[in-house]
Amino acid sequence: MATNQDYKNINYDRLAIWVKKGSRDSYKQSAAELGISLAMLVQSGVEEYISNHAGEVMTPQPKHEPLSAADKQLVDEFNQLPVETQKAFMKVFTSINKNMPQ
């Protein structure tokens, strides 16, 4: 008789990732607010990223200067917005960024 673990071993691959201290709790909270597990949030995020960036070549991101106090405050205020509002803002920012001359 196969156990639940046997089933998982046969049908699934395990993926482990490292995140900065404190990030896991934030991710778990976001997943709970969305009504899904942390694993499902990560899996959905990866799948969505791949589908939205198919064929793109990833290049290393330049290192950025530390944020100013005013920028940190802006980020903190953004993070306090409801998730749906954050998503709407990100769609607008992404659209604007895509249309800016290189």
PDB file of N, CA and C in Angstrom:
ATOM      1  N   MET A   1       0.837  -1.178   0.000  1.00  0.00           N
ATOM      2  CA  MET A   1       0.000   0.000   0.000  1.00  0.00           C
ATOM      3  C   MET A   1       0.889   1.250   0.000  1.00  0.00           C
ATOM      4  N   ALA A   2       0.647   2.151  -0.925  1.00  0.00           N
ATOM      5  CA  ALA A   2       1.449   3.366  -1.055  1.00  0.00           C
ATOM      6  C   ALA A   2       1.008   4.399  -0.021  1.00  0.00           C
ATOM      7  N   THR A   3       1.964   5.079   0.561  1.00  0.00           N
ATOM      8  CA  THR A   3       1.659   6.127   1.524  1.00  0.00           C
ATOM      9  C   THR A   3       1.565   7.468   0.811  1.00  0.00           C
ATOM     10  N   ASN A   4       1.105   8.452   1.552  1.00  0.00           N
ATOM     11  CA  ASN A   4       1.017   9.808   1.015  1.00  0.00           C
ATOM     12  C   ASN A   4       2.408  10.283   0.570  1.00  0.00           C
ATOM     13  N   GLN A   5       3.427   9.962   1.367  1.00  0.00           N
ATOM     14  CA  GLN A   5       4.792  10.361   1.014  1.00  0.00           C
ATOM     15  C   GLN A   5       5.254   9.658  -0.258  1.00  0.00           C
ATOM     16  N   ASP A   6       4.907   8.362  -0.421  1.00  0.00           N
ATOM     17  CA  ASP A   6       5.249   7.643  -1.649  1.00  0.00           C
ATOM     18  C   ASP A   6       4.616   8.331  -2.854  1.00  0.00           C
ATOM     19  N   TYR A   7       3.349   8.719  -2.715  1.00  0.00           N
ATOM     20  CA  TYR A   7       2.637   9.400  -3.796  1.00  0.00           C
ATOM     21  C   TYR A   7       3.358  10.694  -4.166  1.00  0.00           C
ATOM     22  N   LYS A   8       3.732  11.486  -3.142  1.00  0.00           N
ATOM     23  CA  LYS A   8       4.442  12.741  -3.405  1.00  0.00           C
ATOM     24  C   LYS A   8       5.776  12.479  -4.094  1.00  0.00           C
ATOM     25  N   ASN A   9       6.504  11.464  -3.615  1.00  0.00           N
ATOM     26  CA  ASN A   9       7.807  11.156  -4.210  1.00  0.00           C
ATOM     27  C   ASN A   9       7.691  10.747  -5.670  1.00  0.00           C
ATOM     28  N   ILE A  10       6.623  10.074  -6.019  1.00  0.00           N
ATOM     29  CA  ILE A  10       6.416   9.602  -7.390  1.00  0.00           C
ATOM     30  C   ILE A  10       5.934  10.733  -8.306  1.00  0.00           C
ATOM     31  N   ASN A  11       5.079  11.596  -7.789  1.00  0.00           N
ATOM     32  CA  ASN A  11       4.383  12.567  -8.637  1.00  0.00           C
ATOM     33  C   ASN A  11       4.877  14.012  -8.556  1.00  0.00           C
ATOM     34  N   TYR A  12       5.758  14.303  -7.615  1.00  0.00           N
ATOM     35  CA  TYR A  12       6.179  15.690  -7.433  1.00  0.00           C
ATOM     36  C   TYR A  12       7.693  15.787  -7.304  1.00  0.00           C
ATOM     37  N   ASP A  13       8.235  16.944  -7.693  1.00  0.00           N
ATOM     38  CA  ASP A  13       9.624  17.289  -7.425  1.00  0.00           C
ATOM     39  C   ASP A  13       9.621  18.286  -6.276  1.00  0.00           C
ATOM     40  N   ARG A  14      10.643  18.230  -5.466  1.00  0.00           N
ATOM     41  CA  ARG A  14      10.769  19.167  -4.338  1.00  0.00           C
ATOM     42  C   ARG A  14      11.657  20.325  -4.770  1.00  0.00           C
ATOM     43  N   LEU A  15      11.253  21.535  -4.408  1.00  0.00           N
ATOM     44  CA  LEU A  15      11.995  22.741  -4.736  1.00  0.00           C
ATOM     45  C   LEU A  15      12.191  23.530  -3.450  1.00  0.00           C
ATOM     46  N   ALA A  16      13.412  23.811  -3.087  1.00  0.00           N
ATOM     47  CA  ALA A  16      13.715  24.593  -1.889  1.00  0.00           C
ATOM     48  C   ALA A  16      14.375  25.898  -2.316  1.00  0.00           C
ATOM     49  N   ILE A  17      13.966  26.990  -1.677  1.00  0.00           N
ATOM     50  CA  ILE A  17      14.556  28.291  -1.979  1.00  0.00           C
ATOM     51  C   ILE A  17      14.955  28.976  -0.678  1.00  0.00           C
ATOM     52  N   TRP A  18      15.907  29.875  -0.764  1.00  0.00           N
ATOM     53  CA  TRP A  18      16.337  30.675   0.372  1.00  0.00           C
ATOM     54  C   TRP A  18      15.851  32.106   0.154  1.00  0.00           C
ATOM     55  N   VAL A  19      15.299  32.710   1.201  1.00  0.00           N
ATOM     56  CA  VAL A  19      14.850  34.103   1.144  1.00  0.00           C
ATOM     57  C   VAL A  19      15.420  34.845   2.347  1.00  0.00           C
ATOM     58  N   LYS A  20      15.459  36.160   2.272  1.00  0.00           N
ATOM     59  CA  LYS A  20      15.984  36.963   3.374  1.00  0.00           C
ATOM     60  C   LYS A  20      15.142  36.734   4.629  1.00  0.00           C
ATOM     61  N   LYS A  21      15.810  36.818   5.790  1.00  0.00           N
ATOM     62  CA  LYS A  21      15.132  36.668   7.070  1.00  0.00           C
ATOM     63  C   LYS A  21      13.929  37.592   7.125  1.00  0.00           C
ATOM     64  N   GLY A  22      12.815  37.071   7.568  1.00  0.00           N
ATOM     65  CA  GLY A  22      11.587  37.847   7.696  1.00  0.00           C
ATOM     66  C   GLY A  22      10.708  37.794   6.465  1.00  0.00           C
ATOM     67  N   SER A  23      11.277  37.476   5.312  1.00  0.00           N
ATOM     68  CA  SER A  23      10.488  37.436   4.076  1.00  0.00           C
ATOM     69  C   SER A  23       9.473  36.304   4.099  1.00  0.00           C
ATOM     70  N   ARG A  24       9.872  35.158   4.643  1.00  0.00           N
ATOM     71  CA  ARG A  24       8.967  34.010   4.642  1.00  0.00           C
ATOM     72  C   ARG A  24       7.652  34.350   5.335  1.00  0.00           C
ATOM     73  N   ASP A  25       7.724  35.008   6.492  1.00  0.00           N
ATOM     74  CA  ASP A  25       6.500  35.348   7.214  1.00  0.00           C
ATOM     75  C   ASP A  25       5.627  36.302   6.410  1.00  0.00           C
ATOM     76  N   SER A  26       6.270  37.248   5.743  1.00  0.00           N
ATOM     77  CA  SER A  26       5.526  38.178   4.895  1.00  0.00           C
ATOM     78  C   SER A  26       4.851  37.446   3.741  1.00  0.00           C
ATOM     79  N   TYR A  27       5.586  36.509   3.119  1.00  0.00           N
ATOM     80  CA  TYR A  27       5.026  35.726   2.020  1.00  0.00           C
ATOM     81  C   TYR A  27       3.875  34.851   2.510  1.00  0.00           C
ATOM     82  N   LYS A  28       4.041  34.242   3.686  1.00  0.00           N
ATOM     83  CA  LYS A  28       2.979  33.393   4.243  1.00  0.00           C
ATOM     84  C   LYS A  28       1.725  34.214   4.511  1.00  0.00           C
ATOM     85  N   GLN A  29       1.907  35.432   5.024  1.00  0.00           N
ATOM     86  CA  GLN A  29       0.774  36.305   5.291  1.00  0.00           C
ATOM     87  C   GLN A  29       0.062  36.679   3.990  1.00  0.00           C
ATOM     88  N   SER A  30       0.836  37.006   2.969  1.00  0.00           N
ATOM     89  CA  SER A  30       0.248  37.351   1.670  1.00  0.00           C
ATOM     90  C   SER A  30      -0.525  36.169   1.098  1.00  0.00           C
ATOM     91  N   ALA A  31       0.054  34.972   1.212  1.00  0.00           N
ATOM     92  CA  ALA A  31      -0.623  33.777   0.714  1.00  0.00           C
ATOM     93  C   ALA A  31      -1.933  33.555   1.466  1.00  0.00           C
ATOM     94  N   ALA A  32      -1.894  33.715   2.794  1.00  0.00           N
ATOM     95  CA  ALA A  32      -3.102  33.532   3.597  1.00  0.00           C
ATOM     96  C   ALA A  32      -4.179  34.538   3.196  1.00  0.00           C
ATOM     97  N   GLU A  33      -3.777  35.784   2.942  1.00  0.00           N
ATOM     98  CA  GLU A  33      -4.735  36.810   2.513  1.00  0.00           C
ATOM     99  C   GLU A  33      -5.366  36.453   1.173  1.00  0.00           C
ATOM    100  N   LEU A  34      -4.610  35.750   0.334  1.00  0.00           N
ATOM    101  CA  LEU A  34      -5.124  35.319  -0.964  1.00  0.00           C
ATOM    102  C   LEU A  34      -5.882  33.996  -0.870  1.00  0.00           C
ATOM    103  N   GLY A  35      -5.824  33.356   0.308  1.00  0.00           N
ATOM    104  CA  GLY A  35      -6.533  32.098   0.505  1.00  0.00           C
ATOM    105  C   GLY A  35      -5.834  30.900  -0.115  1.00  0.00           C
ATOM    106  N   ILE A  36      -4.496  30.981  -0.248  1.00  0.00           N
ATOM    107  CA  ILE A  36      -3.741  29.880  -0.829  1.00  0.00           C
ATOM    108  C   ILE A  36      -2.541  29.569   0.065  1.00  0.00           C
ATOM    109  N   SER A  37      -1.903  28.434  -0.185  1.00  0.00           N
ATOM    110  CA  SER A  37      -0.719  28.067   0.579  1.00  0.00           C
ATOM    111  C   SER A  37       0.491  28.847   0.084  1.00  0.00           C
ATOM    112  N   LEU A  38       1.520  28.876   0.906  1.00  0.00           N
ATOM    113  CA  LEU A  38       2.767  29.520   0.508  1.00  0.00           C
ATOM    114  C   LEU A  38       3.349  28.827  -0.723  1.00  0.00           C
ATOM    115  N   ALA A  39       3.297  27.496  -0.724  1.00  0.00           N
ATOM    116  CA  ALA A  39       3.806  26.744  -1.878  1.00  0.00           C
ATOM    117  C   ALA A  39       3.060  27.134  -3.157  1.00  0.00           C
ATOM    118  N   MET A  40       1.743  27.281  -3.065  1.00  0.00           N
ATOM    119  CA  MET A  40       0.952  27.657  -4.242  1.00  0.00           C
ATOM    120  C   MET A  40       1.274  29.085  -4.681  1.00  0.00           C
ATOM    121  N   LEU A  41       1.517  29.981  -3.719  1.00  0.00           N
ATOM    122  CA  LEU A  41       1.891  31.352  -4.062  1.00  0.00           C
ATOM    123  C   LEU A  41       3.201  31.369  -4.843  1.00  0.00           C
ATOM    124  N   VAL A  42       4.201  30.618  -4.352  1.00  0.00           N
ATOM    125  CA  VAL A  42       5.498  30.577  -5.029  1.00  0.00           C
ATOM    126  C   VAL A  42       5.344  29.954  -6.410  1.00  0.00           C
ATOM    127  N   GLN A  43       4.646  28.827  -6.482  1.00  0.00           N
ATOM    128  CA  GLN A  43       4.471  28.144  -7.763  1.00  0.00           C
ATOM    129  C   GLN A  43       3.734  29.041  -8.754  1.00  0.00           C
ATOM    130  N   SER A  44       2.671  29.686  -8.314  1.00  0.00           N
ATOM    131  CA  SER A  44       1.908  30.576  -9.197  1.00  0.00           C
ATOM    132  C   SER A  44       2.757  31.752  -9.659  1.00  0.00           C
ATOM    133  N   GLY A  45       3.562  32.286  -8.739  1.00  0.00           N
ATOM    134  CA  GLY A  45       4.425  33.406  -9.095  1.00  0.00           C
ATOM    135  C   GLY A  45       5.446  33.029 -10.152  1.00  0.00           C
ATOM    136  N   VAL A  46       6.045  31.864  -9.998  1.00  0.00           N
ATOM    137  CA  VAL A  46       7.029  31.393 -10.983  1.00  0.00           C
ATOM    138  C   VAL A  46       6.354  31.183 -12.333  1.00  0.00           C
ATOM    139  N   GLU A  47       5.211  30.497 -12.323  1.00  0.00           N
ATOM    140  CA  GLU A  47       4.505  30.227 -13.581  1.00  0.00           C
ATOM    141  C   GLU A  47       4.056  31.514 -14.259  1.00  0.00           C
ATOM    142  N   GLU A  48       3.549  32.468 -13.471  1.00  0.00           N
ATOM    143  CA  GLU A  48       3.116  33.748 -14.042  1.00  0.00           C
ATOM    144  C   GLU A  48       4.307  34.503 -14.617  1.00  0.00           C
ATOM    145  N   TYR A  49       5.424  34.509 -13.904  1.00  0.00           N
ATOM    146  CA  TYR A  49       6.614  35.204 -14.393  1.00  0.00           C
ATOM    147  C   TYR A  49       7.083  34.600 -15.708  1.00  0.00           C
ATOM    148  N   ILE A  50       7.142  33.285 -15.765  1.00  0.00           N
ATOM    149  CA  ILE A  50       7.588  32.613 -16.990  1.00  0.00           C
ATOM    150  C   ILE A  50       6.659  32.938 -18.150  1.00  0.00           C
ATOM    151  N   SER A  51       5.344  32.883 -17.917  1.00  0.00           N
ATOM    152  CA  SER A  51       4.403  33.153 -19.009  1.00  0.00           C
ATOM    153  C   SER A  51       4.473  34.606 -19.476  1.00  0.00           C
ATOM    154  N   ASN A  52       4.789  35.526 -18.562  1.00  0.00           N
ATOM    155  CA  ASN A  52       4.864  36.944 -18.929  1.00  0.00           C
ATOM    156  C   ASN A  52       6.206  37.348 -19.522  1.00  0.00           C
ATOM    157  N   HIS A  53       7.222  36.486 -19.372  1.00  0.00           N
ATOM    158  CA  HIS A  53       8.561  36.850 -19.835  1.00  0.00           C
ATOM    159  C   HIS A  53       9.158  35.792 -20.769  1.00  0.00           C
ATOM    160  N   ALA A  54       8.304  35.042 -21.420  1.00  0.00           N
ATOM    161  CA  ALA A  54       8.778  33.989 -22.323  1.00  0.00           C
ATOM    162  C   ALA A  54       9.672  34.581 -23.400  1.00  0.00           C
ATOM    163  N   GLY A  55      10.818  33.978 -23.623  1.00  0.00           N
ATOM    164  CA  GLY A  55      11.729  34.406 -24.668  1.00  0.00           C
ATOM    165  C   GLY A  55      12.654  35.535 -24.281  1.00  0.00           C
ATOM    166  N   GLU A  56      12.453  36.131 -23.107  1.00  0.00           N
ATOM    167  CA  GLU A  56      13.337  37.210 -22.678  1.00  0.00           C
ATOM    168  C   GLU A  56      14.619  36.619 -22.119  1.00  0.00           C
ATOM    169  N   VAL A  57      15.681  37.373 -22.244  1.00  0.00           N
ATOM    170  CA  VAL A  57      16.959  36.968 -21.672  1.00  0.00           C
ATOM    171  C   VAL A  57      17.162  37.772 -20.391  1.00  0.00           C
ATOM    172  N   MET A  58      17.425  37.066 -19.311  1.00  0.00           N
ATOM    173  CA  MET A  58      17.640  37.744 -18.029  1.00  0.00           C
ATOM    174  C   MET A  58      19.057  38.293 -17.996  1.00  0.00           C
ATOM    175  N   THR A  59      19.179  39.546 -17.628  1.00  0.00           N
ATOM    176  CA  THR A  59      20.491  40.158 -17.474  1.00  0.00           C
ATOM    177  C   THR A  59      20.653  40.564 -16.015  1.00  0.00           C
ATOM    178  N   PRO A  60      21.866  40.548 -15.511  1.00  0.00           N
ATOM    179  CA  PRO A  60      22.065  40.956 -14.116  1.00  0.00           C
ATOM    180  C   PRO A  60      21.579  42.378 -13.901  1.00  0.00           C
ATOM    181  N   GLN A  61      20.909  42.587 -12.794  1.00  0.00           N
ATOM    182  CA  GLN A  61      20.412  43.920 -12.468  1.00  0.00           C
ATOM    183  C   GLN A  61      21.543  44.751 -11.863  1.00  0.00           C
ATOM    184  N   PRO A  62      21.621  46.013 -12.234  1.00  0.00           N
ATOM    185  CA  PRO A  62      22.660  46.851 -11.635  1.00  0.00           C
ATOM    186  C   PRO A  62      22.404  47.031 -10.136  1.00  0.00           C
ATOM    187  N   LYS A  63      23.471  47.180  -9.377  1.00  0.00           N
ATOM    188  CA  LYS A  63      23.321  47.435  -7.945  1.00  0.00           C
ATOM    189  C   LYS A  63      22.823  48.862  -7.784  1.00  0.00           C
ATOM    190  N   HIS A  64      21.874  49.014  -6.895  1.00  0.00           N
ATOM    191  CA  HIS A  64      21.258  50.319  -6.694  1.00  0.00           C
ATOM    192  C   HIS A  64      21.806  50.993  -5.446  1.00  0.00           C
ATOM    193  N   GLU A  65      21.747  52.298  -5.456  1.00  0.00           N
ATOM    194  CA  GLU A  65      22.111  53.082  -4.285  1.00  0.00           C
ATOM    195  C   GLU A  65      21.094  52.772  -3.183  1.00  0.00           C
ATOM    196  N   PRO A  66      21.490  52.880  -1.923  1.00  0.00           N
ATOM    197  CA  PRO A  66      20.517  52.712  -0.830  1.00  0.00           C
ATOM    198  C   PRO A  66      19.399  53.741  -0.976  1.00  0.00           C
ATOM    199  N   LEU A  67      18.213  53.356  -0.557  1.00  0.00           N
ATOM    200  CA  LEU A  67      17.078  54.270  -0.650  1.00  0.00           C
ATOM    201  C   LEU A  67      17.227  55.424   0.329  1.00  0.00           C
ATOM    202  N   SER A  68      16.768  56.581  -0.110  1.00  0.00           N
ATOM    203  CA  SER A  68      16.741  57.736   0.793  1.00  0.00           C
ATOM    204  C   SER A  68      15.601  57.532   1.789  1.00  0.00           C
ATOM    205  N   ALA A  69      15.565  58.320   2.829  1.00  0.00           N
ATOM    206  CA  ALA A  69      14.498  58.226   3.831  1.00  0.00           C
ATOM    207  C   ALA A  69      13.136  58.476   3.180  1.00  0.00           C
ATOM    208  N   ALA A  70      13.081  59.441   2.263  1.00  0.00           N
ATOM    209  CA  ALA A  70      11.818  59.748   1.589  1.00  0.00           C
ATOM    210  C   ALA A  70      11.364  58.573   0.723  1.00  0.00           C
ATOM    211  N   ASP A  71      12.323  57.933   0.025  1.00  0.00           N
ATOM    212  CA  ASP A  71      11.978  56.775  -0.807  1.00  0.00           C
ATOM    213  C   ASP A  71      11.525  55.597   0.060  1.00  0.00           C
ATOM    214  N   LYS A  72      12.202  55.388   1.195  1.00  0.00           N
ATOM    215  CA  LYS A  72      11.795  54.317   2.110  1.00  0.00           C
ATOM    216  C   LYS A  72      10.375  54.547   2.598  1.00  0.00           C
ATOM    217  N   GLN A  73      10.044  55.799   2.917  1.00  0.00           N
ATOM    218  CA  GLN A  73       8.701  56.120   3.381  1.00  0.00           C
ATOM    219  C   GLN A  73       7.683  55.823   2.280  1.00  0.00           C
ATOM    220  N   LEU A  74       8.018  56.168   1.045  1.00  0.00           N
ATOM    221  CA  LEU A  74       7.126  55.904  -0.078  1.00  0.00           C
ATOM    222  C   LEU A  74       6.892  54.403  -0.248  1.00  0.00           C
ATOM    223  N   VAL A  75       7.973  53.613  -0.146  1.00  0.00           N
ATOM    224  CA  VAL A  75       7.855  52.159  -0.248  1.00  0.00           C
ATOM    225  C   VAL A  75       6.995  51.615   0.882  1.00  0.00           C
ATOM    226  N   ASP A  76       7.217  52.106   2.097  1.00  0.00           N
ATOM    227  CA  ASP A  76       6.423  51.651   3.244  1.00  0.00           C
ATOM    228  C   ASP A  76       4.937  51.968   3.046  1.00  0.00           C
ATOM    229  N   GLU A  77       4.651  53.158   2.547  1.00  0.00           N
ATOM    230  CA  GLU A  77       3.255  53.544   2.305  1.00  0.00           C
ATOM    231  C   GLU A  77       2.635  52.680   1.210  1.00  0.00           C
ATOM    232  N   PHE A  78       3.404  52.395   0.163  1.00  0.00           N
ATOM    233  CA  PHE A  78       2.918  51.525  -0.907  1.00  0.00           C
ATOM    234  C   PHE A  78       2.585  50.141  -0.348  1.00  0.00           C
ATOM    235  N   ASN A  79       3.473  49.604   0.508  1.00  0.00           N
ATOM    236  CA  ASN A  79       3.272  48.271   1.077  1.00  0.00           C
ATOM    237  C   ASN A  79       2.066  48.199   1.996  1.00  0.00           C
ATOM    238  N   GLN A  80       1.592  49.340   2.475  1.00  0.00           N
ATOM    239  CA  GLN A  80       0.405  49.359   3.334  1.00  0.00           C
ATOM    240  C   GLN A  80      -0.895  49.402   2.537  1.00  0.00           C
ATOM    241  N   LEU A  81      -0.796  49.635   1.243  1.00  0.00           N
ATOM    242  CA  LEU A  81      -1.994  49.644   0.398  1.00  0.00           C
ATOM    243  C   LEU A  81      -2.546  48.233   0.267  1.00  0.00           C
ATOM    244  N   PRO A  82      -3.849  48.096   0.002  1.00  0.00           N
ATOM    245  CA  PRO A  82      -4.406  46.760  -0.243  1.00  0.00           C
ATOM    246  C   PRO A  82      -3.709  46.110  -1.449  1.00  0.00           C
ATOM    247  N   VAL A  83      -3.608  44.793  -1.423  1.00  0.00           N
ATOM    248  CA  VAL A  83      -2.891  44.049  -2.452  1.00  0.00           C
ATOM    249  C   VAL A  83      -3.444  44.370  -3.842  1.00  0.00           C
ATOM    250  N   GLU A  84      -4.744  44.441  -3.982  1.00  0.00           N
ATOM    251  CA  GLU A  84      -5.338  44.727  -5.304  1.00  0.00           C
ATOM    252  C   GLU A  84      -4.935  46.119  -5.805  1.00  0.00           C
ATOM    253  N   THR A  85      -4.829  47.084  -4.903  1.00  0.00           N
ATOM    254  CA  THR A  85      -4.390  48.423  -5.292  1.00  0.00           C
ATOM    255  C   THR A  85      -2.926  48.394  -5.714  1.00  0.00           C
ATOM    256  N   GLN A  86      -2.100  47.640  -4.981  1.00  0.00           N
ATOM    257  CA  GLN A  86      -0.695  47.495  -5.363  1.00  0.00           C
ATOM    258  C   GLN A  86      -0.586  46.891  -6.756  1.00  0.00           C
ATOM    259  N   LYS A  87      -1.375  45.849  -7.027  1.00  0.00           N
ATOM    260  CA  LYS A  87      -1.342  45.205  -8.345  1.00  0.00           C
ATOM    261  C   LYS A  87      -1.718  46.196  -9.442  1.00  0.00           C
ATOM    262  N   ALA A  88      -2.749  47.010  -9.188  1.00  0.00           N
ATOM    263  CA  ALA A  88      -3.182  47.988 -10.192  1.00  0.00           C
ATOM    264  C   ALA A  88      -2.073  49.003 -10.466  1.00  0.00           C
ATOM    265  N   PHE A  89      -1.439  49.503  -9.405  1.00  0.00           N
ATOM    266  CA  PHE A  89      -0.317  50.421  -9.578  1.00  0.00           C
ATOM    267  C   PHE A  89       0.800  49.769 -10.377  1.00  0.00           C
ATOM    268  N   MET A  90       1.133  48.519 -10.059  1.00  0.00           N
ATOM    269  CA  MET A  90       2.234  47.841 -10.742  1.00  0.00           C
ATOM    270  C   MET A  90       1.938  47.666 -12.232  1.00  0.00           C
ATOM    271  N   LYS A  91       0.688  47.402 -12.587  1.00  0.00           N
ATOM    272  CA  LYS A  91       0.327  47.293 -14.002  1.00  0.00           C
ATOM    273  C   LYS A  91       0.568  48.626 -14.713  1.00  0.00           C
ATOM    274  N   VAL A  92       0.178  49.717 -14.062  1.00  0.00           N
ATOM    275  CA  VAL A  92       0.376  51.043 -14.651  1.00  0.00           C
ATOM    276  C   VAL A  92       1.871  51.339 -14.777  1.00  0.00           C
ATOM    277  N   PHE A  93       2.634  51.098 -13.703  1.00  0.00           N
ATOM    278  CA  PHE A  93       4.080  51.357 -13.743  1.00  0.00           C
ATOM    279  C   PHE A  93       4.759  50.526 -14.826  1.00  0.00           C
ATOM    280  N   THR A  94       4.362  49.265 -14.941  1.00  0.00           N
ATOM    281  CA  THR A  94       4.959  48.374 -15.947  1.00  0.00           C
ATOM    282  C   THR A  94       4.639  48.899 -17.342  1.00  0.00           C
ATOM    283  N   SER A  95       3.406  49.307 -17.560  1.00  0.00           N
ATOM    284  CA  SER A  95       3.006  49.841 -18.860  1.00  0.00           C
ATOM    285  C   SER A  95       3.794  51.089 -19.217  1.00  0.00           C
ATOM    286  N   ILE A  96       3.941  51.977 -18.246  1.00  0.00           N
ATOM    287  CA  ILE A  96       4.702  53.214 -18.472  1.00  0.00           C
ATOM    288  C   ILE A  96       6.158  52.873 -18.790  1.00  0.00           C
ATOM    289  N   ASN A  97       6.738  51.947 -18.020  1.00  0.00           N
ATOM    290  CA  ASN A  97       8.134  51.570 -18.214  1.00  0.00           C
ATOM    291  C   ASN A  97       8.375  50.968 -19.593  1.00  0.00           C
ATOM    292  N   LYS A  98       7.436  50.133 -20.071  1.00  0.00           N
ATOM    293  CA  LYS A  98       7.573  49.517 -21.387  1.00  0.00           C
ATOM    294  C   LYS A  98       7.527  50.538 -22.509  1.00  0.00           C
ATOM    295  N   ASN A  99       6.813  51.642 -22.285  1.00  0.00           N
ATOM    296  CA  ASN A  99       6.641  52.657 -23.330  1.00  0.00           C
ATOM    297  C   ASN A  99       7.679  53.771 -23.266  1.00  0.00           C
ATOM    298  N   MET A 100       8.589  53.716 -22.294  1.00  0.00           N
ATOM    299  CA  MET A 100       9.621  54.749 -22.203  1.00  0.00           C
ATOM    300  C   MET A 100      10.733  54.448 -23.196  1.00  0.00           C
ATOM    301  N   PRO A 101      11.301  55.491 -23.798  1.00  0.00           N
ATOM    302  CA  PRO A 101      12.406  55.253 -24.707  1.00  0.00           C
ATOM    303  C   PRO A 101      13.608  54.694 -23.941  1.00  0.00           C
ATOM    304  N   GLN A 102      14.346  53.816 -24.602  1.00  0.00           N
ATOM    305  CA  GLN A 102      15.499  53.175 -23.960  1.00  0.00           C
ATOM    306  C   GLN A 102      16.694  54.072 -23.970  1.00  0.00           C
TER     307      GLN A 102
END
